[in-house]
Amino acid sequence: MFSKSAAKGLPEAQYLLCHYHFEGKGLGKDSSRGLALLKASANQDFVEAQYSLGLAYLLNEDVPYEEELGVTWLVIAARHGH
């Protein structure tokens, strides 16, 4: 559903698809792929992905805890209006 758009680099599709990988909805759980998609979306200035990436580094048990990266992404999201 979102896979083709995500593969084309569309940040909203990458953001939506990352949640399917994190939660294992219909694709099987793959946190590494979910994180890669979330990073790709955040790096394209998609503010929801930036905020989610910050939270993932701080709170997601499937993502290695990275306080500095988490706070950095939350600040970036805030600067973009989140």
Protein backbone atom coordinates (compact mmCIF):
# COMPACT_ATOMS: atom_id res chain seq x y z
CA MET A 1 0.00 0.00 0.00
CA PHE A 2 2.62 2.60 1.04
CA SER A 3 5.60 0.53 -0.09
CA LYS A 4 5.83 1.87 -3.64
CA SER A 5 5.54 5.49 -2.55
CA ALA A 6 8.05 4.96 0.25
CA ALA A 7 10.47 3.35 -2.19
CA LYS A 8 10.17 6.47 -4.35
CA GLY A 9 11.29 8.51 -1.36
CA LEU A 10 8.01 10.18 -0.42
CA PRO A 11 8.45 11.18 3.22
CA GLU A 12 4.82 10.83 4.28
CA ALA A 13 4.68 7.29 2.89
CA GLN A 14 7.96 6.44 4.60
CA TYR A 15 6.57 7.77 7.86
CA LEU A 16 3.35 5.78 7.59
CA LEU A 17 5.10 2.59 6.52
CA CYS A 18 7.61 2.78 9.39
CA HIS A 19 4.75 2.27 11.85
CA TYR A 20 3.71 -0.92 10.08
CA HIS A 21 7.24 -2.25 10.54
CA PHE A 22 7.51 -1.15 14.17
CA GLU A 23 4.14 -2.67 15.05
CA GLY A 24 4.31 -5.70 12.74
CA LYS A 25 1.05 -4.85 10.99
CA GLY A 26 0.75 -7.08 7.95
CA LEU A 27 4.48 -7.01 7.23
CA GLY A 28 6.03 -8.75 10.17
CA LYS A 29 7.81 -6.77 12.83
CA ASP A 30 11.08 -5.25 11.58
CA SER A 31 12.26 -2.46 13.85
CA SER A 32 15.46 -1.93 11.86
CA ARG A 33 13.47 -1.25 8.69
CA GLY A 34 11.02 0.90 10.63
CA LEU A 35 13.84 3.02 12.01
CA ALA A 36 15.46 3.37 8.58
CA LEU A 37 12.17 4.61 7.09
CA LEU A 38 11.60 6.98 10.00
CA LYS A 39 15.10 8.44 9.59
CA ALA A 40 14.62 8.83 5.84
CA SER A 41 11.36 10.69 6.36
CA ALA A 42 12.79 12.89 9.14
CA ASN A 43 15.80 13.78 7.02
CA GLN A 44 13.41 15.12 4.37
CA ASP A 45 12.00 17.60 6.90
CA PHE A 46 8.74 15.73 7.53
CA VAL A 47 7.98 17.21 10.94
CA GLU A 48 5.87 14.31 12.27
CA ALA A 49 8.74 11.95 11.49
CA GLN A 50 11.22 14.28 13.20
CA TYR A 51 9.11 14.31 16.35
CA SER A 52 8.52 10.54 16.23
CA LEU A 53 12.21 9.88 15.69
CA GLY A 54 13.07 11.94 18.74
CA LEU A 55 10.58 9.98 20.81
CA ALA A 56 11.78 6.68 19.37
CA TYR A 57 15.34 7.34 20.51
CA LEU A 58 14.10 8.23 23.98
CA LEU A 59 11.16 5.87 24.56
CA ASN A 60 10.87 3.06 22.01
CA GLU A 61 12.06 -0.24 23.44
CA ASP A 62 12.86 -1.49 19.91
CA VAL A 63 15.25 1.41 19.20
CA PRO A 64 18.57 1.82 21.00
CA TYR A 65 18.35 4.58 23.62
CA GLU A 66 20.16 7.68 22.32
CA GLU A 67 19.42 10.66 24.55
CA GLU A 68 21.40 13.21 22.53
CA LEU A 69 19.83 12.17 19.21
CA GLY A 70 16.37 12.03 20.76
CA VAL A 71 16.58 15.54 22.15
CA THR A 72 18.14 16.84 18.91
CA TRP A 73 15.27 15.51 16.81
CA LEU A 74 12.68 16.88 19.22
CA VAL A 75 14.29 20.33 19.00
CA ILE A 76 14.37 20.12 15.20
CA ALA A 77 10.66 19.19 15.17
CA ALA A 78 9.87 22.07 17.52
CA ARG A 79 11.72 24.50 15.27
CA HIS A 80 9.60 23.26 12.39
CA GLY A 81 6.41 24.00 14.27
CA HIS A 82 5.62 20.77 16.09
